C-alpha cells in the first residue's frame, strides 16, 4: 500500500492505516478518497495537491 503527503504541513495519509477521524478505515485506497477531500490538518490543500510519500507507507497524522 502507498502513502501520500501534504506538501504544506506534512500530514501523511497511509492507505494501510486509513484515518479514522476522517472516516477512512484501514485499507482505504487513495483512489477511493473523494477528490474534494482536503488536508485535515491544514485544510489548505486538496487531494490533487498531495504527493506520493517518498518513504512509503507510514501512520496518518
N, C-alpha and C. Protein backbone atom coordinates (compact mmCIF):
# COMPACT_ATOMS: atom_id res chain seq x y z
N UNK A 1 0.84 -1.18 0.00
CA UNK A 1 0.00 0.00 0.00
C UNK A 1 0.89 1.24 0.00
N UNK A 2 0.30 2.34 -0.38
CA UNK A 2 1.06 3.59 -0.53
C UNK A 2 0.65 4.62 0.50
N UNK A 3 1.42 5.69 0.55
CA UNK A 3 1.12 6.82 1.43
C UNK A 3 1.30 8.10 0.62
N UNK A 4 0.58 9.13 1.03
CA UNK A 4 0.60 10.42 0.33
C UNK A 4 0.76 11.53 1.36
N UNK A 5 1.54 12.56 1.00
CA UNK A 5 1.88 13.62 1.95
C UNK A 5 1.39 14.98 1.46
N UNK A 6 0.91 15.79 2.40
CA UNK A 6 0.52 17.17 2.11
C UNK A 6 1.80 18.00 1.98
N UNK A 7 1.97 18.72 0.88
CA UNK A 7 3.20 19.49 0.71
C UNK A 7 3.29 20.75 1.59
N UNK A 8 2.21 21.09 2.28
CA UNK A 8 2.22 22.28 3.14
C UNK A 8 2.57 21.92 4.58
N UNK A 9 1.87 20.92 5.15
CA UNK A 9 2.03 20.65 6.59
C UNK A 9 2.62 19.28 6.90
N UNK A 10 2.88 18.47 5.88
CA UNK A 10 3.46 17.14 6.04
C UNK A 10 2.52 16.10 6.64
N UNK A 11 1.21 16.36 6.67
CA UNK A 11 0.25 15.33 7.06
C UNK A 11 0.40 14.17 6.08
N UNK A 12 0.37 12.94 6.58
CA UNK A 12 0.51 11.76 5.73
C UNK A 12 -0.75 10.92 5.79
N UNK A 13 -1.30 10.60 4.62
CA UNK A 13 -2.40 9.65 4.52
C UNK A 13 -1.80 8.33 4.07
N UNK A 14 -1.91 7.31 4.92
CA UNK A 14 -1.38 5.98 4.66
C UNK A 14 -2.56 5.06 4.35
N UNK A 15 -2.57 4.48 3.15
CA UNK A 15 -3.66 3.60 2.75
C UNK A 15 -3.84 2.44 3.73
N UNK A 16 -2.75 1.89 4.23
CA UNK A 16 -2.83 0.74 5.14
C UNK A 16 -3.49 1.11 6.46
N UNK A 17 -3.21 2.31 6.96
CA UNK A 17 -3.74 2.75 8.26
C UNK A 17 -5.08 3.45 8.15
N UNK A 18 -5.34 4.07 6.99
CA UNK A 18 -6.55 4.88 6.86
C UNK A 18 -6.44 6.10 7.77
N UNK A 19 -7.59 6.68 8.10
CA UNK A 19 -7.63 7.81 9.03
C UNK A 19 -9.02 7.81 9.65
N UNK A 20 -9.13 7.21 10.83
CA UNK A 20 -10.43 7.05 11.49
C UNK A 20 -11.13 8.38 11.73
N UNK A 21 -10.39 9.41 12.11
CA UNK A 21 -11.04 10.70 12.40
C UNK A 21 -11.64 11.32 11.15
N UNK A 22 -11.17 10.92 9.98
CA UNK A 22 -11.71 11.41 8.71
C UNK A 22 -12.72 10.44 8.10
N UNK A 23 -12.92 9.29 8.76
CA UNK A 23 -13.89 8.32 8.28
C UNK A 23 -13.34 7.32 7.27
N UNK A 24 -12.02 7.19 7.19
CA UNK A 24 -11.40 6.25 6.27
C UNK A 24 -10.81 5.08 7.05
N UNK A 25 -11.41 3.89 6.93
CA UNK A 25 -10.89 2.73 7.66
C UNK A 25 -9.56 2.25 7.08
N UNK A 26 -8.82 1.44 7.85
CA UNK A 26 -7.59 0.85 7.32
C UNK A 26 -7.87 0.14 6.00
N UNK A 27 -6.95 0.27 5.06
CA UNK A 27 -7.11 -0.35 3.76
C UNK A 27 -7.81 0.52 2.73
N UNK A 28 -8.12 1.77 3.09
CA UNK A 28 -8.77 2.68 2.15
C UNK A 28 -7.78 3.07 1.05
N UNK A 29 -8.12 2.74 -0.19
CA UNK A 29 -7.26 3.09 -1.33
C UNK A 29 -7.36 4.58 -1.62
N UNK A 30 -6.25 5.18 -1.97
CA UNK A 30 -6.19 6.61 -2.26
C UNK A 30 -7.19 7.00 -3.35
N UNK A 31 -7.35 6.14 -4.35
CA UNK A 31 -8.26 6.48 -5.44
C UNK A 31 -9.73 6.46 -5.04
N UNK A 32 -10.05 5.97 -3.84
CA UNK A 32 -11.43 6.00 -3.36
C UNK A 32 -11.71 7.20 -2.45
N UNK A 33 -10.67 7.92 -2.07
CA UNK A 33 -10.83 9.15 -1.28
C UNK A 33 -11.43 10.20 -2.22
N UNK A 34 -12.51 10.87 -1.82
CA UNK A 34 -13.15 11.85 -2.71
C UNK A 34 -12.18 12.94 -3.17
N UNK A 35 -12.33 13.36 -4.42
CA UNK A 35 -11.46 14.39 -4.99
C UNK A 35 -11.55 15.71 -4.24
N UNK A 36 -12.71 16.00 -3.64
CA UNK A 36 -12.89 17.27 -2.93
C UNK A 36 -12.35 17.24 -1.50
N UNK A 37 -11.86 16.07 -1.06
CA UNK A 37 -11.30 15.94 0.29
C UNK A 37 -10.07 16.83 0.39
N UNK A 38 -9.93 17.53 1.52
CA UNK A 38 -8.76 18.38 1.73
C UNK A 38 -8.00 17.92 2.97
N UNK A 39 -6.82 18.42 3.13
CA UNK A 39 -5.97 18.04 4.25
C UNK A 39 -6.67 18.34 5.57
N UNK A 40 -6.80 17.35 6.46
CA UNK A 40 -7.48 17.57 7.74
C UNK A 40 -6.66 18.38 8.74
N UNK A 41 -5.36 18.50 8.52
CA UNK A 41 -4.53 19.26 9.45
C UNK A 41 -4.43 20.74 9.09
N UNK A 42 -4.19 21.04 7.82
CA UNK A 42 -4.04 22.46 7.45
C UNK A 42 -5.25 22.98 6.68
N UNK A 43 -6.06 22.08 6.10
CA UNK A 43 -7.27 22.48 5.40
C UNK A 43 -7.03 23.27 4.13
N UNK A 44 -5.79 23.44 3.75
CA UNK A 44 -5.47 24.28 2.60
C UNK A 44 -5.43 23.47 1.31
N UNK A 45 -4.79 22.36 1.35
CA UNK A 45 -4.57 21.58 0.14
C UNK A 45 -5.71 20.61 -0.14
N UNK A 46 -5.97 20.38 -1.41
CA UNK A 46 -6.95 19.39 -1.84
C UNK A 46 -6.21 18.10 -2.17
N UNK A 47 -6.96 17.04 -2.34
CA UNK A 47 -6.38 15.73 -2.62
C UNK A 47 -5.40 15.78 -3.80
N UNK A 48 -5.74 16.53 -4.82
CA UNK A 48 -4.91 16.60 -6.02
C UNK A 48 -3.51 17.15 -5.73
N UNK A 49 -3.36 17.90 -4.65
CA UNK A 49 -2.07 18.50 -4.31
C UNK A 49 -1.15 17.57 -3.52
N UNK A 50 -1.70 16.48 -2.97
CA UNK A 50 -0.88 15.54 -2.21
C UNK A 50 0.13 14.87 -3.14
N UNK A 51 1.28 14.51 -2.56
CA UNK A 51 2.35 13.86 -3.31
C UNK A 51 2.60 12.47 -2.74
N UNK A 52 3.07 11.53 -3.57
CA UNK A 52 3.45 10.23 -3.02
C UNK A 52 4.51 10.43 -1.95
N UNK A 53 4.35 9.75 -0.82
CA UNK A 53 5.31 9.88 0.27
C UNK A 53 6.60 9.16 -0.13
N UNK A 54 7.74 9.84 -0.07
CA UNK A 54 8.99 9.24 -0.53
C UNK A 54 9.45 8.03 0.28
N UNK A 55 9.02 7.94 1.54
CA UNK A 55 9.44 6.81 2.38
C UNK A 55 8.43 5.68 2.35
N UNK A 56 7.38 5.81 1.55
CA UNK A 56 6.35 4.78 1.50
C UNK A 56 5.33 4.97 2.61
N UNK A 57 4.65 3.91 2.95
CA UNK A 57 3.56 3.98 3.92
C UNK A 57 4.07 4.21 5.33
N UNK A 58 3.32 5.03 6.06
CA UNK A 58 3.56 5.26 7.48
C UNK A 58 2.26 5.79 8.08
N UNK A 59 2.10 5.84 9.38
CA UNK A 59 0.83 6.22 10.00
C UNK A 59 0.35 7.62 9.63
N UNK A 60 -0.97 7.79 9.55
CA UNK A 60 -1.57 9.09 9.27
C UNK A 60 -1.41 10.01 10.47
N UNK A 61 -1.43 11.32 10.18
CA UNK A 61 -1.40 12.33 11.24
C UNK A 61 -0.08 12.50 11.77
